[in-house]
Amino acid sequence: MGLIERLAGESGYGQQHTAVVRGARVMARWALLAEQHIGTGEGRDWSIKVLGHVEGTREEAVAALREHAEKYKPQHPLRPKRRALYRDGDSFLLVQDGSWQVFHCRFMVAEQLYDSAV
């Protein structure tokens, strides 16, 4: 098994949390998360999506998250006129101009501490 485990389209909630040992260091399991608006108009709500998991260091998880953020296609707008990706520490912000308004999507890594389904 490679160091980076990509589980595109799968939340991983039912998976067992296991640590990866590299030398004398124990690596954590990191969730790659995207937070975006769903719905339109007054009915818009925030929704979070688990893009995948990385077993390794936080730096490796952030590198994998950046790849996801660069390729990610949020629900809105359907046909973006412009895309801009920003980084703030270990998180990313994707801003897209639509025909009528601007949409944004936030990306972050979070260490998985517990999963009740395991």
C-alpha atoms as a PDB file:
ATOM      1  CA  MET A   1       0.000   0.000   0.000  1.00  0.00           C
ATOM      2  CA  GLY A   2       1.335   3.452  -0.928  1.00  0.00           C
ATOM      3  CA  LEU A   3       1.707   6.225   1.586  1.00  0.00           C
ATOM      4  CA  ILE A   4      -1.102   8.276   0.088  1.00  0.00           C
ATOM      5  CA  GLU A   5      -4.399   6.481  -0.056  1.00  0.00           C
ATOM      6  CA  ARG A   6      -6.865   8.159  -2.392  1.00  0.00           C
ATOM      7  CA  LEU A   7     -10.487   7.239  -1.996  1.00  0.00           C
ATOM      8  CA  ALA A   8     -12.234   9.443  -4.546  1.00  0.00           C
ATOM      9  CA  GLY A   9     -15.962   9.563  -4.024  1.00  0.00           C
ATOM     10  CA  GLU A  10     -15.876   7.494  -0.824  1.00  0.00           C
ATOM     11  CA  SER A  11     -16.325   9.058   2.583  1.00  0.00           C
ATOM     12  CA  GLY A  12     -14.416   6.384   4.479  1.00  0.00           C
ATOM     13  CA  TYR A  13     -16.773   6.542   7.471  1.00  0.00           C
ATOM     14  CA  GLY A  14     -16.935   2.771   7.751  1.00  0.00           C
ATOM     15  CA  GLN A  15     -13.221   2.264   7.487  1.00  0.00           C
ATOM     16  CA  GLN A  16     -11.001   1.376  10.386  1.00  0.00           C
ATOM     17  CA  HIS A  17      -8.539   4.049  11.468  1.00  0.00           C
ATOM     18  CA  THR A  18      -5.046   2.629  11.318  1.00  0.00           C
ATOM     19  CA  ALA A  19      -1.773   4.443  11.795  1.00  0.00           C
ATOM     20  CA  VAL A  20       1.119   4.110   9.393  1.00  0.00           C
ATOM     21  CA  VAL A  21       4.507   3.619  11.029  1.00  0.00           C
ATOM     22  CA  ARG A  22       7.503   5.054   9.194  1.00  0.00           C
ATOM     23  CA  GLY A  23      10.729   4.520  11.079  1.00  0.00           C
ATOM     24  CA  ALA A  24       9.979   5.477  14.686  1.00  0.00           C
ATOM     25  CA  ARG A  25       7.207   7.954  13.721  1.00  0.00           C
ATOM     26  CA  VAL A  26       3.509   7.110  13.695  1.00  0.00           C
ATOM     27  CA  MET A  27       1.637   8.839  10.864  1.00  0.00           C
ATOM     28  CA  ALA A  28      -1.909  10.126  11.271  1.00  0.00           C
ATOM     29  CA  ARG A  29      -4.967   9.640   9.075  1.00  0.00           C
ATOM     30  CA  TRP A  30      -6.043  12.924   7.489  1.00  0.00           C
ATOM     31  CA  ALA A  31      -9.388  13.695   5.852  1.00  0.00           C
ATOM     32  CA  LEU A  32      -9.365  15.942   2.788  1.00  0.00           C
ATOM     33  CA  LEU A  33     -12.463  18.137   3.065  1.00  0.00           C
ATOM     34  CA  ALA A  34     -14.315  20.504   0.720  1.00  0.00           C
ATOM     35  CA  GLU A  35     -16.962  22.894   2.013  1.00  0.00           C
ATOM     36  CA  GLN A  36     -19.264  24.543  -0.537  1.00  0.00           C
ATOM     37  CA  HIS A  37     -22.690  26.035  -1.129  1.00  0.00           C
ATOM     38  CA  ILE A  38     -25.423  23.743  -2.392  1.00  0.00           C
ATOM     39  CA  GLY A  39     -28.768  24.909  -3.688  1.00  0.00           C
ATOM     40  CA  THR A  40     -29.549  28.320  -5.153  1.00  0.00           C
ATOM     41  CA  GLY A  41     -30.952  31.677  -4.096  1.00  0.00           C
ATOM     42  CA  GLU A  42     -32.320  31.906  -0.549  1.00  0.00           C
ATOM     43  CA  GLY A  43     -32.189  28.113  -0.257  1.00  0.00           C
ATOM     44  CA  ARG A  44     -28.390  27.917  -0.313  1.00  0.00           C
ATOM     45  CA  ASP A  45     -26.746  25.963   2.485  1.00  0.00           C
ATOM     46  CA  TRP A  46     -23.192  24.937   3.282  1.00  0.00           C
ATOM     47  CA  SER A  47     -22.306  21.304   2.729  1.00  0.00           C
ATOM     48  CA  ILE A  48     -19.119  19.389   3.487  1.00  0.00           C
ATOM     49  CA  LYS A  49     -17.703  16.569   1.397  1.00  0.00           C
ATOM     50  CA  VAL A  50     -14.916  14.143   2.261  1.00  0.00           C
ATOM     51  CA  LEU A  51     -12.728  14.014  -0.852  1.00  0.00           C
ATOM     52  CA  GLY A  52     -10.496  11.229   0.424  1.00  0.00           C
ATOM     53  CA  HIS A  53      -7.927  10.353   3.071  1.00  0.00           C
ATOM     54  CA  VAL A  54      -4.155  10.485   3.419  1.00  0.00           C
ATOM     55  CA  GLU A  55      -2.178   8.376   5.851  1.00  0.00           C
ATOM     56  CA  GLY A  56       1.059  10.186   6.571  1.00  0.00           C
ATOM     57  CA  THR A  57       2.210  13.616   7.633  1.00  0.00           C
ATOM     58  CA  ARG A  58       0.158  16.804   7.634  1.00  0.00           C
ATOM     59  CA  GLU A  59       2.435  18.175   4.906  1.00  0.00           C
ATOM     60  CA  GLU A  60       1.658  15.185   2.682  1.00  0.00           C
ATOM     61  CA  ALA A  61      -2.054  15.676   3.323  1.00  0.00           C
ATOM     62  CA  VAL A  62      -1.836  19.379   2.409  1.00  0.00           C
ATOM     63  CA  ALA A  63       0.000  18.505  -0.825  1.00  0.00           C
ATOM     64  CA  ALA A  64      -2.746  16.009  -1.743  1.00  0.00           C
ATOM     65  CA  LEU A  65      -5.418  18.573  -0.823  1.00  0.00           C
ATOM     66  CA  ARG A  66      -3.877  21.140  -3.163  1.00  0.00           C
ATOM     67  CA  GLU A  67      -4.115  18.657  -6.050  1.00  0.00           C
ATOM     68  CA  HIS A  68      -7.793  18.110  -5.255  1.00  0.00           C
ATOM     69  CA  ALA A  69      -8.467  21.859  -4.950  1.00  0.00           C
ATOM     70  CA  GLU A  70      -6.861  22.603  -8.316  1.00  0.00           C
ATOM     71  CA  LYS A  71      -9.052  20.038 -10.112  1.00  0.00           C
ATOM     72  CA  TYR A  72     -12.256  20.347  -8.063  1.00  0.00           C
ATOM     73  CA  LYS A  73     -15.484  21.288  -9.838  1.00  0.00           C
ATOM     74  CA  PRO A  74     -17.991  22.699  -7.320  1.00  0.00           C
ATOM     75  CA  GLN A  75     -21.746  22.464  -7.850  1.00  0.00           C
ATOM     76  CA  HIS A  76     -21.944  26.214  -8.598  1.00  0.00           C
ATOM     77  CA  PRO A  77     -21.457  27.941 -10.941  1.00  0.00           C
ATOM     78  CA  LEU A  78     -22.159  25.521 -13.766  1.00  0.00           C
ATOM     79  CA  ARG A  79     -20.000  27.435 -16.244  1.00  0.00           C
ATOM     80  CA  PRO A  80     -17.462  29.555 -14.367  1.00  0.00           C
ATOM     81  CA  LYS A  81     -16.144  32.619 -16.161  1.00  0.00           C
ATOM     82  CA  ARG A  82     -13.046  32.762 -13.945  1.00  0.00           C
ATOM     83  CA  ARG A  83     -11.360  30.525 -11.315  1.00  0.00           C
ATOM     84  CA  ALA A  84      -8.852  31.678  -8.710  1.00  0.00           C
ATOM     85  CA  LEU A  85      -7.248  29.445  -6.062  1.00  0.00           C
ATOM     86  CA  TYR A  86      -5.780  30.939  -2.867  1.00  0.00           C
ATOM     87  CA  ARG A  87      -3.793  29.377  -0.038  1.00  0.00           C
ATOM     88  CA  ASP A  88      -3.932  30.398   3.622  1.00  0.00           C
ATOM     89  CA  GLY A  89      -1.630  28.241   5.717  1.00  0.00           C
ATOM     90  CA  ASP A  90      -2.849  24.662   5.282  1.00  0.00           C
ATOM     91  CA  SER A  91      -6.196  25.538   3.699  1.00  0.00           C
ATOM     92  CA  PHE A  92      -7.283  26.660   0.237  1.00  0.00           C
ATOM     93  CA  LEU A  93     -10.043  28.897  -1.102  1.00  0.00           C
ATOM     94  CA  LEU A  94     -11.422  28.488  -4.625  1.00  0.00           C
ATOM     95  CA  VAL A  95     -13.270  31.557  -5.915  1.00  0.00           C
ATOM     96  CA  GLN A  96     -15.292  31.252  -9.115  1.00  0.00           C
ATOM     97  CA  ASP A  97     -17.096  34.004 -10.976  1.00  0.00           C
ATOM     98  CA  GLY A  98     -20.406  32.923 -12.424  1.00  0.00           C
ATOM     99  CA  SER A  99     -22.707  34.794 -14.773  1.00  0.00           C
ATOM    100  CA  TRP A 100     -24.594  36.506 -11.951  1.00  0.00           C
ATOM    101  CA  GLN A 101     -22.618  36.023  -8.753  1.00  0.00           C
ATOM    102  CA  VAL A 102     -19.372  34.818  -7.191  1.00  0.00           C
ATOM    103  CA  PHE A 103     -19.128  31.408  -5.507  1.00  0.00           C
ATOM    104  CA  HIS A 104     -16.429  30.046  -3.255  1.00  0.00           C
ATOM    105  CA  CYS A 105     -15.372  26.682  -1.922  1.00  0.00           C
ATOM    106  CA  ARG A 106     -13.086  26.037   1.069  1.00  0.00           C
ATOM    107  CA  PHE A 107     -10.673  23.114   1.367  1.00  0.00           C
ATOM    108  CA  MET A 108      -9.040  21.871   4.564  1.00  0.00           C
ATOM    109  CA  VAL A 109      -7.306  18.886   6.118  1.00  0.00           C
ATOM    110  CA  ALA A 110      -8.442  17.455   9.436  1.00  0.00           C
ATOM    111  CA  GLU A 111      -6.944  14.630  11.469  1.00  0.00           C
ATOM    112  CA  GLN A 112      -9.395  11.779  11.956  1.00  0.00           C
ATOM    113  CA  LEU A 113      -9.507  11.070  15.688  1.00  0.00           C
ATOM    114  CA  TYR A 114     -12.568   8.847  15.879  1.00  0.00           C
ATOM    115  CA  ASP A 115     -15.107   7.059  13.698  1.00  0.00           C
ATOM    116  CA  SER A 116     -18.157   5.483  15.327  1.00  0.00           C
ATOM    117  CA  ALA A 117     -18.700   3.149  12.386  1.00  0.00           C
ATOM    118  CA  VAL A 118     -15.446   1.310  13.002  1.00  0.00           C
END
